[in-house]
Amino acid sequence: MNRPVVRLEMSSGDRDLIDRWRGEEAPLLPLLHAFHERDGHLSEEALRAVSEGLRIPLAELYGTVTFYHHFAREPGGLEAPRVCTGPICRLHGAGRVLDDLEGASPMPCSGRCDDPVPVIRGRDTLVARADGLVSTPAPLPPRPAPDVEECVFRHIREPGQVTLAGYQATRGYVGFRRAVLEESPEIVLDRLDASGLVGRGGAGFPTGRKWRAVREAPGEGKTVVCNADEGEPGCFKDRVLMDYDPHSVLEGMLLAAYATGASRGFLYLRYEYPETADVLARALDEARAAGLVGQGILGTDLDIEIYVRRGAGAYICGEETSLLNSLEGGHPFPRNRPPYPVTRGYLGTPTAVNNVETLVTVPPIMRRGAEWYRGLGLGEHAGTKVISLSGDIRRPGNYEVPIGMPLRTLLYDWAGGAFEGREIQAVTMAGLSGGFLAGDDLGVTLDEPSIRSKGSFLGAGGIMVFDDRRDMVRVARDAMEFFQHESCGKCFPCRIGTTRLAERLAGEGPDQLEPWLDELADLHATMKSTSACGLGQAAPLITESLVRYFPERVKAHVEG
């Protein structure tokens, strides 16, 4: 028996939104945001309209929408306050803020660890103070030591740097203009290779080699993607770069497109930076009006379009293939690799995915040369790295350091050390993903070889500091509960492993140390070798490092 097909009768307003976005690149997220902001939540009617308008099965769309943290499904949900309960905000009273705000709900780290406790309400990011919620701009980076030369922060404190005129006054777009009008893509790639620049988002892959792989990959319609989904707890460097120097991000994307042969670029911005979305939109309008973006760039036959797409709250979208699935309108699970994005990325096209810091490093290299950039590092290390420093430290903030600088120099000489009467007990590396360093291992230098020799890694450069007041088992438990919450659930080693590790840190499991440690060792080995992406592979570093540095505290936790 054939069932009749029931067609949805859309309102004129719904149809206008559908028509506005249906023909655009990567339309699902902006369309969902349009309904969300218009109505204050995503209603059943809105989801049905999106399902029909974009021809996405309703069940599939519902599964995708409910995967994200910030799409409200009840009326008024958009305006309900969401309070950051990341590791640093917990130290600064996030629990009290949650209790004090009517209708508030917790959210994972929202990237303001240098100015806690952030609260998102509607399209505003506010900060909880003793006298209420206030709006504050992103703190500018502290000035470096007099003998240290910066790269990406070199002009960020200049008044007006956020505008096109201000950016051009500090020689902005000079590198892109020279590349397009005087140089070939091959020269750009060679200069990047010579600079030694590697990805600053965590993986550390040589940037020139990645871009060359995209350029040489067969296929048309190549793509570049700026990964601005800065979801790692303790990392907040990309926000300050985009808020104060947005044209440097756009110039980096344009250079990436020129070098790879891409005709389109996407900037995927994390949901928790709503004001940043407005900054980027203004910068993009300025660049387009100046003939730097769009058709016939700088009077040539070069066409490059750039789009900003805002996420909806999911840590896993920081993983590049999950991000690509999110852009395409699918469920943001990690993809199996190979194939890698450089040969099969967005909509199957060769795609270069780079994070914000990597991209903003490229324009200075194009202006000042590869040898200049290499010379910014110490010893044989090339370049600089932005470190987001937060927690129990006198002067938190974003610091651009030469690669190879001692960690203790950053902690004590630049950031002032622990508060009076306290000592630094431990730090996390790579946000949370690198686990803890403590004791003599705080003597590492800020480069991958040194830190990896201690069983950790530098990654995206978030460092959280915990002084001797903190219960490190509790800190580890909070970290593992974050990973458990953010596991996408695709693979069982991560899904089950993070749950079991969180349970063990909460007091469940064997009550004798040796069986407890044996169980952890088995979980660690399984998760590292079989998890589908970096979340499940990195989460065990939390408990591994806890056991290594705090054995007596672990023993008391298990047997006490």
Protein backbone atom coordinates (compact mmCIF):
# COMPACT_ATOMS: atom_id res chain seq x y z
CA MET A 1 0.00 0.00 0.00
CA ASN A 2 1.42 3.38 -1.01
CA ARG A 3 1.39 5.99 1.74
CA PRO A 4 0.62 9.59 0.80
CA VAL A 5 3.56 11.97 0.91
CA VAL A 6 2.96 14.73 3.44
CA ARG A 7 4.60 17.98 2.38
CA LEU A 8 5.44 20.67 4.90
CA GLU A 9 3.73 24.00 4.41
CA MET A 10 6.48 26.48 5.29
CA SER A 11 5.76 29.96 6.52
CA SER A 12 7.00 32.76 4.31
CA GLY A 13 9.67 33.62 6.90
CA ASP A 14 10.93 30.04 6.97
CA ARG A 15 11.00 29.90 3.20
CA ASP A 16 12.94 33.17 3.01
CA LEU A 17 15.64 31.75 5.31
CA ILE A 18 15.79 28.51 3.35
CA ASP A 19 16.06 30.39 0.05
CA ARG A 20 18.77 32.65 1.49
CA TRP A 21 21.10 29.79 2.35
CA ARG A 22 20.12 26.85 0.12
CA GLY A 23 22.45 27.77 -2.73
CA GLU A 24 25.40 28.79 -0.53
CA GLU A 25 28.54 26.80 0.24
CA ALA A 26 28.25 24.75 3.47
CA PRO A 27 24.70 25.97 4.18
CA LEU A 28 23.53 23.82 7.12
CA LEU A 29 25.26 25.52 10.04
CA PRO A 30 24.46 29.12 9.02
CA LEU A 31 20.86 28.15 8.31
CA LEU A 32 20.48 26.49 11.72
CA HIS A 33 22.01 29.55 13.36
CA ALA A 34 19.58 31.81 11.48
CA PHE A 35 16.56 29.88 12.81
CA HIS A 36 18.14 29.61 16.27
CA GLU A 37 18.70 33.35 16.57
CA ARG A 38 15.36 34.30 15.04
CA ASP A 39 13.27 32.05 17.29
CA GLY A 40 15.51 31.66 20.36
CA HIS A 41 15.57 27.88 19.88
CA LEU A 42 15.29 25.24 17.15
CA SER A 43 11.65 24.18 17.00
CA GLU A 44 10.24 21.03 15.41
CA GLU A 45 8.83 23.23 12.65
CA ALA A 46 12.23 24.78 11.98
CA LEU A 47 13.94 21.39 11.77
CA ARG A 48 11.29 20.11 9.40
CA ALA A 49 11.73 23.19 7.23
CA VAL A 50 15.51 22.72 7.14
CA SER A 51 15.10 19.01 6.44
CA GLU A 52 12.87 19.67 3.45
CA GLY A 53 14.76 22.72 2.22
CA LEU A 54 18.20 21.06 2.22
CA ARG A 55 16.89 17.55 1.50
CA ILE A 56 18.40 16.08 4.66
CA PRO A 57 16.45 13.20 6.26
CA LEU A 58 14.81 14.50 9.43
CA ALA A 59 16.21 11.75 11.65
CA GLU A 60 19.71 12.41 10.36
CA LEU A 61 19.30 16.16 10.89
CA TYR A 62 17.97 15.65 14.41
CA GLY A 63 20.97 13.47 15.29
CA THR A 64 23.35 16.12 13.99
CA VAL A 65 21.64 19.03 15.76
CA THR A 66 21.46 17.28 19.12
CA PHE A 67 25.16 16.38 18.91
CA TYR A 68 26.09 20.06 19.36
CA HIS A 69 26.02 21.63 22.82
CA HIS A 70 24.59 25.05 22.05
CA PHE A 71 21.55 24.52 19.85
CA ALA A 72 18.63 25.00 22.24
CA ARG A 73 15.56 22.87 21.65
CA GLU A 74 13.23 24.60 24.11
CA PRO A 75 11.76 28.12 23.80
CA GLY A 76 14.01 30.74 25.37
CA GLY A 77 17.00 28.42 25.37
CA LEU A 78 19.24 30.77 23.40
CA GLU A 79 18.98 33.44 26.11
CA ALA A 80 19.50 31.03 29.00
CA PRO A 81 22.95 31.60 30.55
CA ARG A 82 25.64 29.00 29.98
CA VAL A 83 28.52 29.06 32.46
CA CYS A 84 32.04 27.86 31.69
CA THR A 85 33.02 24.99 33.96
CA GLY A 86 36.45 24.37 32.44
CA PRO A 87 39.40 23.53 34.69
CA ILE A 88 40.46 27.13 35.34
CA CYS A 89 36.94 28.45 35.83
CA ARG A 90 36.35 25.73 38.42
CA LEU A 91 39.25 27.21 40.37
CA HIS A 92 37.61 30.64 40.15
CA GLY A 93 34.16 29.78 41.44
CA ALA A 94 32.26 28.54 38.38
CA GLY A 95 30.08 26.45 40.69
CA ARG A 96 28.95 29.53 42.61
CA VAL A 97 28.17 31.35 39.37
CA LEU A 98 26.06 28.40 38.22
CA ASP A 99 24.12 28.46 41.48
CA ASP A 100 23.58 32.22 41.38
CA LEU A 101 22.26 32.49 37.80
CA GLU A 102 18.68 31.38 37.37
CA GLY A 103 18.26 28.82 34.62
CA ALA A 104 22.01 28.50 34.05
CA SER A 105 23.60 25.38 32.64
CA PRO A 106 27.28 24.35 32.50
CA MET A 107 29.38 24.34 29.35
CA PRO A 108 32.92 23.09 28.69
CA CYS A 109 35.90 25.45 28.57
CA SER A 110 34.92 28.43 26.45
CA GLY A 111 38.34 29.93 25.77
CA ARG A 112 38.60 32.76 28.29
CA CYS A 113 40.91 31.13 30.82
CA ASP A 114 42.76 34.44 31.20
CA ASP A 115 39.51 36.20 32.24
CA PRO A 116 37.27 33.80 34.16
CA VAL A 117 34.35 33.07 34.58
CA PRO A 118 32.71 33.57 31.13
CA VAL A 119 28.96 33.29 30.66
CA ILE A 120 27.30 33.09 27.25
CA ARG A 121 23.82 34.57 27.01
CA GLY A 122 22.29 34.95 23.59
CA ARG A 123 25.00 36.28 21.28
CA ASP A 124 27.01 37.90 24.07
CA THR A 125 29.96 36.60 26.05
CA LEU A 126 29.97 38.15 29.51
CA VAL A 127 32.24 37.68 32.50
CA ALA A 128 30.99 36.97 36.02
CA ARG A 129 32.27 39.55 38.48
CA ALA A 130 31.34 40.19 42.09
CA ASP A 131 28.97 42.94 40.97
CA GLY A 132 27.31 40.95 38.20
CA LEU A 133 27.89 40.11 34.55
CA VAL A 134 29.97 42.54 32.52
CA SER A 135 31.21 42.69 28.95
CA THR A 136 34.99 42.69 28.60
CA PRO A 137 37.21 42.52 25.50
CA ALA A 138 39.80 39.80 25.09
CA PRO A 139 42.90 40.76 27.11
CA LEU A 140 45.79 41.82 24.91
CA PRO A 141 48.97 39.75 25.19
CA PRO A 142 51.47 40.92 27.82
CA ARG A 143 54.48 42.63 26.27
CA PRO A 144 57.49 40.35 25.77
CA ALA A 145 60.89 40.63 27.36
CA PRO A 146 62.94 43.46 25.75
CA ASP A 147 65.33 41.08 23.98
CA VAL A 148 62.59 38.89 22.46
CA GLU A 149 61.28 39.51 18.93
CA GLU A 150 57.71 38.51 18.18
CA CYS A 151 56.20 37.25 14.94
CA VAL A 152 52.39 36.96 15.14
CA PHE A 153 52.03 39.44 18.03
CA ARG A 154 54.45 41.96 16.51
CA HIS A 155 51.73 44.51 15.65
CA ILE A 156 48.73 43.22 17.58
CA ARG A 157 48.87 46.01 20.17
CA GLU A 158 48.84 48.76 17.52
CA PRO A 159 45.71 50.97 17.66
CA GLY A 160 43.50 50.25 14.67
CA GLN A 161 45.15 46.95 13.73
CA VAL A 162 41.67 45.43 13.55
CA THR A 163 40.85 47.53 10.46
CA LEU A 164 42.11 47.17 6.93
CA ALA A 165 43.75 50.61 7.06
CA GLY A 166 45.49 49.78 10.33
CA TYR A 167 46.63 46.39 9.05
CA GLN A 168 48.03 47.87 5.86
CA ALA A 169 49.85 50.53 7.89
CA THR A 170 51.92 47.70 9.40
CA ARG A 171 52.61 46.25 5.92
CA GLY A 172 49.62 43.97 5.91
CA TYR A 173 48.81 42.24 2.59
CA VAL A 174 52.28 43.15 1.26
CA GLY A 175 53.22 39.46 1.17
CA PHE A 176 50.01 38.46 -0.60
CA ARG A 177 50.25 41.28 -3.16
CA ARG A 178 53.86 40.39 -3.93
CA ALA A 179 53.03 36.69 -4.25
CA VAL A 180 50.13 37.28 -6.65
CA LEU A 181 51.71 40.02 -8.75
CA GLU A 182 55.39 39.04 -8.76
CA GLU A 183 55.90 35.46 -7.57
CA SER A 184 54.68 31.97 -8.39
CA PRO A 185 52.96 29.56 -5.99
CA GLU A 186 56.14 27.48 -6.13
CA ILE A 187 58.17 30.37 -4.68
CA VAL A 188 55.68 30.68 -1.81
CA LEU A 189 55.95 26.96 -1.10
CA ASP A 190 59.74 26.98 -1.26
CA ARG A 191 59.89 29.89 1.18
CA LEU A 192 57.61 28.06 3.60
CA ASP A 193 59.75 24.93 3.37
CA ALA A 194 62.88 26.96 4.09
CA SER A 195 61.25 28.68 7.09
CA GLY A 196 60.72 25.43 8.96
CA LEU A 197 57.13 26.38 9.86
CA VAL A 198 55.13 23.44 11.15
CA GLY A 199 51.48 23.35 12.15
CA ARG A 200 50.81 25.22 15.39
CA GLY A 201 47.55 23.44 16.15
CA GLY A 202 49.10 20.34 17.67
CA ALA A 203 50.12 17.90 14.94
CA GLY A 204 53.30 19.74 13.95
CA PHE A 205 53.21 18.74 10.26
CA PRO A 206 55.37 20.89 7.95
CA THR A 207 53.11 23.55 6.48
CA GLY A 208 54.89 23.83 3.14
CA ARG A 209 54.72 20.07 2.63
CA LYS A 210 50.97 20.01 3.38
CA TRP A 211 50.24 22.84 0.95
CA ARG A 212 52.40 21.27 -1.73
CA ALA A 213 50.51 17.98 -1.36
CA VAL A 214 47.23 19.80 -1.96
CA ARG A 215 48.61 21.65 -4.96
CA GLU A 216 49.93 18.45 -6.52
CA ALA A 217 46.82 16.38 -5.76
CA PRO A 218 44.62 15.67 -8.80
CA GLY A 219 41.19 17.26 -8.83
CA GLU A 220 39.52 20.63 -9.26
CA GLY A 221 37.87 22.96 -6.77
CA LYS A 222 40.56 22.76 -4.11
CA THR A 223 39.80 24.12 -0.66
CA VAL A 224 41.56 25.73 2.31
CA VAL A 225 40.11 25.67 5.81
CA CYS A 226 41.07 27.73 8.82
CA ASN A 227 40.40 25.64 11.92
CA ALA A 228 39.33 28.26 14.47
CA ASP A 229 37.41 25.75 16.59
CA GLU A 230 39.70 26.38 19.54
CA GLY A 231 38.06 23.94 21.96
CA GLU A 232 41.02 22.56 23.90
CA PRO A 233 40.68 23.59 27.57
CA GLY A 234 43.35 26.11 28.49
CA CYS A 235 43.84 27.36 24.90
CA PHE A 236 42.70 30.88 24.06
CA LYS A 237 45.36 32.21 21.67
CA ASP A 238 43.32 32.10 18.47
CA ARG A 239 40.63 34.35 19.91
CA VAL A 240 43.03 37.22 20.61
CA LEU A 241 44.57 36.90 17.13
CA MET A 242 41.18 37.05 15.43
CA ASP A 243 39.79 39.80 17.67
CA TYR A 244 42.71 42.20 17.26
CA ASP A 245 44.34 41.16 13.96
CA PRO A 246 41.64 39.57 11.78
CA HIS A 247 43.19 40.60 8.47
CA SER A 248 46.30 38.57 9.29
CA VAL A 249 44.06 35.48 9.37
CA LEU A 250 42.49 36.40 6.04
CA GLU A 251 45.87 37.10 4.46
CA GLY A 252 47.14 33.73 5.66
CA MET A 253 44.11 32.02 4.13
CA LEU A 254 44.57 33.89 0.84
CA LEU A 255 48.23 32.89 0.67
CA ALA A 256 47.23 29.29 1.39
CA ALA A 257 44.67 29.41 -1.42
CA TYR A 258 47.14 30.96 -3.86
CA ALA A 259 49.86 28.44 -3.03
CA THR A 260 47.57 25.39 -3.22
CA GLY A 261 45.46 26.47 -6.18
CA ALA A 262 42.30 26.64 -4.09
CA SER A 263 39.39 28.85 -5.11
CA ARG A 264 37.53 28.81 -1.80
CA GLY A 265 38.30 28.98 1.88
CA PHE A 266 36.29 28.41 5.04
CA LEU A 267 37.00 29.85 8.45
CA TYR A 268 35.33 27.49 10.94
CA LEU A 269 34.83 29.51 14.12
CA ARG A 270 33.93 28.00 17.46
CA TYR A 271 30.48 28.91 18.78
CA GLU A 272 31.78 30.38 22.01
CA TYR A 273 33.34 33.38 20.22
CA PRO A 274 30.21 35.28 19.05
CA GLU A 275 31.83 38.72 19.09
CA THR A 276 34.72 37.36 17.04
CA ALA A 277 32.26 36.37 14.32
CA ASP A 278 31.28 40.03 13.96
CA VAL A 279 34.93 41.14 13.84
CA LEU A 280 35.69 38.64 11.09
CA ALA A 281 32.60 39.60 9.10
CA ARG A 282 33.66 43.26 9.08
CA ALA A 283 37.22 42.38 8.08
CA LEU A 284 35.98 40.15 5.28
CA ASP A 285 33.73 42.92 3.96
CA GLU A 286 36.70 45.33 3.98
CA ALA A 287 38.95 42.85 2.16
CA ARG A 288 36.28 42.14 -0.45
CA ALA A 289 35.64 45.84 -1.06
CA ALA A 290 39.39 46.36 -1.55
CA GLY A 291 39.57 43.66 -4.22
CA LEU A 292 41.53 41.24 -2.04
CA VAL A 293 38.80 38.59 -1.85
CA GLY A 294 36.38 37.44 -4.54
CA GLN A 295 36.62 37.57 -8.32
CA GLY A 296 39.58 39.04 -10.22
CA ILE A 297 41.74 39.68 -7.17
CA LEU A 298 44.15 42.62 -7.58
CA GLY A 299 43.13 42.96 -11.22
CA THR A 300 44.27 39.44 -12.14
CA ASP A 301 42.30 36.35 -13.11
CA LEU A 302 42.68 34.96 -9.56
CA ASP A 303 39.37 34.08 -7.86
CA ILE A 304 39.29 33.21 -4.15
CA GLU A 305 36.14 33.35 -2.04
CA ILE A 306 36.25 33.08 1.76
CA TYR A 307 33.34 32.10 4.00
CA VAL A 308 32.97 32.25 7.79
CA ARG A 309 31.06 29.33 9.27
CA ARG A 310 30.29 29.23 12.99
CA GLY A 311 30.21 25.92 14.84
CA ALA A 312 27.70 24.99 17.51
CA GLY A 313 29.79 23.60 20.35
CA ALA A 314 31.58 20.27 19.99
CA TYR A 315 35.19 19.65 21.05
CA ILE A 316 35.58 16.92 18.46
CA CYS A 317 35.17 19.48 15.65
CA GLY A 318 38.70 20.64 16.42
CA GLU A 319 39.78 17.36 14.79
CA GLU A 320 40.14 18.22 11.11
CA THR A 321 38.03 15.46 9.59
CA SER A 322 35.22 15.98 12.12
CA LEU A 323 35.34 19.67 11.21
CA LEU A 324 35.03 18.81 7.50
CA ASN A 325 32.02 16.59 8.18
CA SER A 326 30.47 19.44 10.18
CA LEU A 327 31.04 21.88 7.30
CA GLU A 328 29.45 19.44 4.88
CA GLY A 329 26.33 19.25 7.07
CA GLY A 330 26.93 15.74 8.34
CA HIS A 331 27.35 14.21 11.75
CA PRO A 332 30.76 15.42 12.98
CA PHE A 333 32.41 12.05 13.53
CA PRO A 334 36.12 11.66 12.69
CA ARG A 335 36.81 10.02 9.35
CA ASN A 336 38.92 6.96 8.85
CA ARG A 337 42.27 7.82 7.28
CA PRO A 338 43.56 7.36 4.62
CA PRO A 339 42.44 9.10 2.51
CA TYR A 340 43.75 12.27 4.11
CA PRO A 341 42.21 15.71 3.58
CA VAL A 342 45.10 16.79 1.35
CA THR A 343 43.76 14.42 -1.29
CA ARG A 344 40.10 14.03 -0.26
CA GLY A 345 38.78 16.67 2.10
CA TYR A 346 35.81 19.03 1.83
CA LEU A 347 33.27 17.48 -0.55
CA GLY A 348 36.01 15.15 -1.75
CA THR A 349 38.32 17.95 -2.91
CA PRO A 350 42.01 18.27 -1.96
CA THR A 351 41.93 20.41 1.18
CA ALA A 352 44.49 22.14 3.37
CA VAL A 353 43.34 22.50 6.99
CA ASN A 354 45.45 24.80 9.18
CA ASN A 355 44.81 26.44 12.52
CA VAL A 356 44.73 30.19 13.13
CA GLU A 357 48.25 30.55 14.52
CA THR A 358 49.77 28.68 11.60
CA LEU A 359 48.02 30.86 9.06
CA VAL A 360 48.87 34.19 10.72
CA THR A 361 52.53 33.16 10.79
CA VAL A 362 52.67 32.92 7.00
CA PRO A 363 52.28 36.64 6.07
CA PRO A 364 55.31 37.74 8.17
CA ILE A 365 57.36 34.96 6.60
CA MET A 366 56.35 36.15 3.14
CA ARG A 367 57.28 39.75 4.03
CA ARG A 368 60.51 39.20 5.98
CA GLY A 369 61.84 35.91 4.68
CA ALA A 370 62.48 32.36 5.80
CA GLU A 371 65.82 33.01 7.48
CA TRP A 372 64.34 35.78 9.62
CA TYR A 373 61.66 33.42 10.88
CA ARG A 374 64.06 30.57 11.55
CA GLY A 375 66.22 32.96 13.55
CA LEU A 376 63.42 33.69 16.02
CA GLY A 377 63.87 30.26 17.61
CA LEU A 378 66.60 29.22 20.02
CA GLY A 379 69.39 26.87 18.99
CA GLU A 380 68.32 24.74 16.05
CA HIS A 381 64.63 25.38 16.63
CA ALA A 382 62.74 27.52 14.11
CA GLY A 383 60.30 30.28 14.93
CA THR A 384 57.98 31.07 17.78
CA LYS A 385 54.97 29.56 19.54
CA VAL A 386 52.09 31.27 21.30
CA ILE A 387 51.51 29.81 24.76
CA SER A 388 48.18 30.32 26.52
CA LEU A 389 49.08 30.39 30.20
CA SER A 390 46.42 30.26 32.92
CA GLY A 391 45.60 28.98 36.38
CA ASP A 392 47.56 29.52 39.60
CA ILE A 393 49.98 32.02 38.10
CA ARG A 394 50.43 35.73 38.76
CA ARG A 395 50.25 36.95 35.17
CA PRO A 396 48.10 34.70 32.97
CA GLY A 397 47.76 35.45 29.30
CA ASN A 398 49.03 34.69 25.82
CA TYR A 399 52.82 34.77 25.45
CA GLU A 400 54.69 34.42 22.16
CA VAL A 401 57.91 32.61 23.06
CA PRO A 402 60.89 31.48 21.01
CA ILE A 403 60.76 27.75 20.38
CA GLY A 404 63.25 26.12 22.72
CA MET A 405 62.86 28.56 25.63
CA PRO A 406 62.89 26.93 29.09
CA LEU A 407 59.44 26.41 30.58
CA ARG A 408 60.65 27.80 33.91
CA THR A 409 61.62 31.07 32.20
CA LEU A 410 58.03 31.48 31.05
CA LEU A 411 56.53 30.48 34.39
CA TYR A 412 58.76 32.47 36.70
CA ASP A 413 60.51 35.25 34.76
CA TRP A 414 57.72 36.22 32.36
CA ALA A 415 54.56 35.27 34.26
CA GLY A 416 55.73 35.95 37.83
CA GLY A 417 55.50 32.45 39.29
CA ALA A 418 53.00 31.21 41.85
CA PHE A 419 51.10 33.43 44.25
CA GLU A 420 52.74 34.43 47.52
CA GLY A 421 53.20 31.51 49.88
CA ARG A 422 52.47 28.93 47.19
CA GLU A 423 54.52 26.69 44.92
CA ILE A 424 53.77 25.35 41.47
CA GLN A 425 52.79 21.72 41.90
CA ALA A 426 52.09 20.74 38.29
CA VAL A 427 51.19 22.09 34.86
CA THR A 428 49.21 20.61 32.02
CA MET A 429 50.59 20.58 28.49
CA ALA A 430 48.73 20.89 25.17
CA GLY A 431 45.72 22.19 27.10
CA LEU A 432 44.63 18.95 28.73
CA SER A 433 45.69 16.56 25.98
CA GLY A 434 49.36 16.37 27.02
CA GLY A 435 48.65 15.40 30.61
CA PHE A 436 50.73 16.76 33.50
CA LEU A 437 54.34 17.75 34.01
CA ALA A 438 55.67 18.16 37.54
CA GLY A 439 58.85 18.06 39.66
CA ASP A 440 62.14 18.00 37.80
CA ASP A 441 60.32 17.68 34.48
CA LEU A 442 59.32 21.33 34.75
CA GLY A 443 62.87 21.85 33.51
CA VAL A 444 61.85 21.06 29.92
CA THR A 445 62.26 23.52 27.09
CA LEU A 446 59.25 24.61 25.04
CA ASP A 447 59.75 22.43 21.99
CA GLU A 448 58.34 19.08 20.96
CA PRO A 449 61.50 16.94 21.34
CA SER A 450 62.10 18.07 24.92
CA ILE A 451 58.49 17.72 26.05
CA ARG A 452 57.91 14.42 24.24
CA SER A 453 60.95 12.99 26.02
CA LYS A 454 58.88 13.38 29.22
CA GLY A 455 55.88 11.55 27.84
CA SER A 456 53.91 14.67 26.91
CA PHE A 457 53.72 17.10 23.99
CA LEU A 458 53.41 20.84 23.38
CA GLY A 459 50.48 20.63 20.97
CA ALA A 460 48.40 23.77 20.64
CA GLY A 461 50.30 25.42 23.47
CA GLY A 462 47.83 25.65 26.36
CA ILE A 463 49.52 25.42 29.78
CA MET A 464 47.42 25.39 32.95
CA VAL A 465 49.19 25.85 36.30
CA PHE A 466 48.13 24.19 39.55
CA ASP A 467 49.72 25.18 42.84
CA ASP A 468 50.12 23.15 46.02
CA ARG A 469 46.56 23.82 47.18
CA ARG A 470 45.10 21.60 44.48
CA ASP A 471 44.14 17.95 44.80
CA MET A 472 45.65 16.52 41.63
CA VAL A 473 43.41 13.45 41.67
CA ARG A 474 40.42 15.78 41.58
CA VAL A 475 42.02 17.82 38.81
CA ALA A 476 42.60 14.62 36.84
CA ARG A 477 39.04 13.48 37.46
CA ASP A 478 37.64 16.77 36.13
CA ALA A 479 39.86 16.45 33.06
CA MET A 480 38.78 12.89 32.35
CA GLU A 481 35.12 13.77 32.81
CA PHE A 482 35.62 16.44 30.15
CA PHE A 483 37.05 13.87 27.73
CA GLN A 484 34.25 11.46 28.60
CA HIS A 485 31.67 14.16 27.89
CA GLU A 486 33.30 15.22 24.62
CA SER A 487 33.94 11.74 23.21
CA CYS A 488 31.91 11.59 20.02
CA GLY A 489 31.03 7.95 20.71
CA LYS A 490 32.04 6.65 17.30
CA CYS A 491 34.67 4.20 18.55
CA PHE A 492 34.27 2.11 21.67
CA PRO A 493 37.92 2.32 22.90
CA CYS A 494 37.45 6.06 23.50
CA ARG A 495 33.79 5.95 24.48
CA ILE A 496 34.24 3.19 27.04
CA GLY A 497 37.83 3.98 27.97
CA THR A 498 37.19 7.57 29.02
CA THR A 499 34.18 6.42 31.02
CA ARG A 500 36.17 3.74 32.87
CA LEU A 501 39.04 6.12 33.61
CA ALA A 502 36.62 8.74 34.93
CA GLU A 503 35.02 6.08 37.13
CA ARG A 504 38.38 5.00 38.54
CA LEU A 505 39.25 8.61 39.37
CA ALA A 506 35.85 8.94 41.07
CA GLY A 507 36.61 6.02 43.41
CA GLU A 508 35.07 3.06 41.59
CA GLY A 509 36.98 -0.09 40.71
CA PRO A 510 39.58 -2.16 42.61
CA ASP A 511 40.42 -1.02 46.13
CA GLN A 512 44.00 -2.32 45.95
CA LEU A 513 46.71 -0.39 44.16
CA GLU A 514 48.24 -3.12 41.97
CA PRO A 515 44.98 -4.33 40.37
CA TRP A 516 43.94 -0.70 39.93
CA LEU A 517 47.20 0.14 38.14
CA ASP A 518 47.02 -3.01 36.01
CA GLU A 519 43.54 -2.08 34.87
CA LEU A 520 44.66 1.44 34.01
CA ALA A 521 47.64 0.14 32.04
CA ASP A 522 45.34 -2.08 29.97
CA LEU A 523 42.94 0.80 29.31
CA HIS A 524 45.80 3.11 28.34
CA ALA A 525 47.30 0.64 25.87
CA THR A 526 43.96 -0.14 24.24
CA MET A 527 42.91 3.51 23.90
CA LYS A 528 46.24 4.66 22.49
CA SER A 529 46.47 1.93 19.87
CA THR A 530 42.86 1.63 18.71
CA SER A 531 41.02 4.94 19.23
CA ALA A 532 39.87 6.58 16.00
CA CYS A 533 41.26 10.05 16.72
CA GLY A 534 43.45 12.11 19.01
CA LEU A 535 40.89 12.46 21.79
CA GLY A 536 40.97 8.80 22.75
CA GLN A 537 44.70 8.57 22.09
CA ALA A 538 45.56 11.55 24.32
CA ALA A 539 43.13 11.13 27.23
CA PRO A 540 45.23 8.36 28.86
CA LEU A 541 48.11 10.84 29.29
CA ILE A 542 46.11 12.41 32.13
CA THR A 543 46.05 9.25 34.25
CA GLU A 544 49.50 8.07 33.14
CA SER A 545 51.10 11.31 34.28
CA LEU A 546 49.03 11.42 37.46
CA VAL A 547 50.40 8.00 38.46
CA ARG A 548 53.95 8.98 37.46
CA TYR A 549 54.15 12.24 39.40
CA PHE A 550 51.79 11.66 42.32
CA PRO A 551 52.07 7.96 43.29
CA GLU A 552 51.42 8.52 46.99
CA ARG A 553 48.31 10.56 46.31
CA VAL A 554 47.08 7.86 43.90
CA LYS A 555 47.71 5.16 46.51
CA ALA A 556 45.71 7.10 49.09
CA HIS A 557 42.90 7.57 46.59
CA VAL A 558 42.69 3.85 45.78
CA GLU A 559 43.31 2.30 49.18
CA GLY A 560 42.41 5.14 51.53
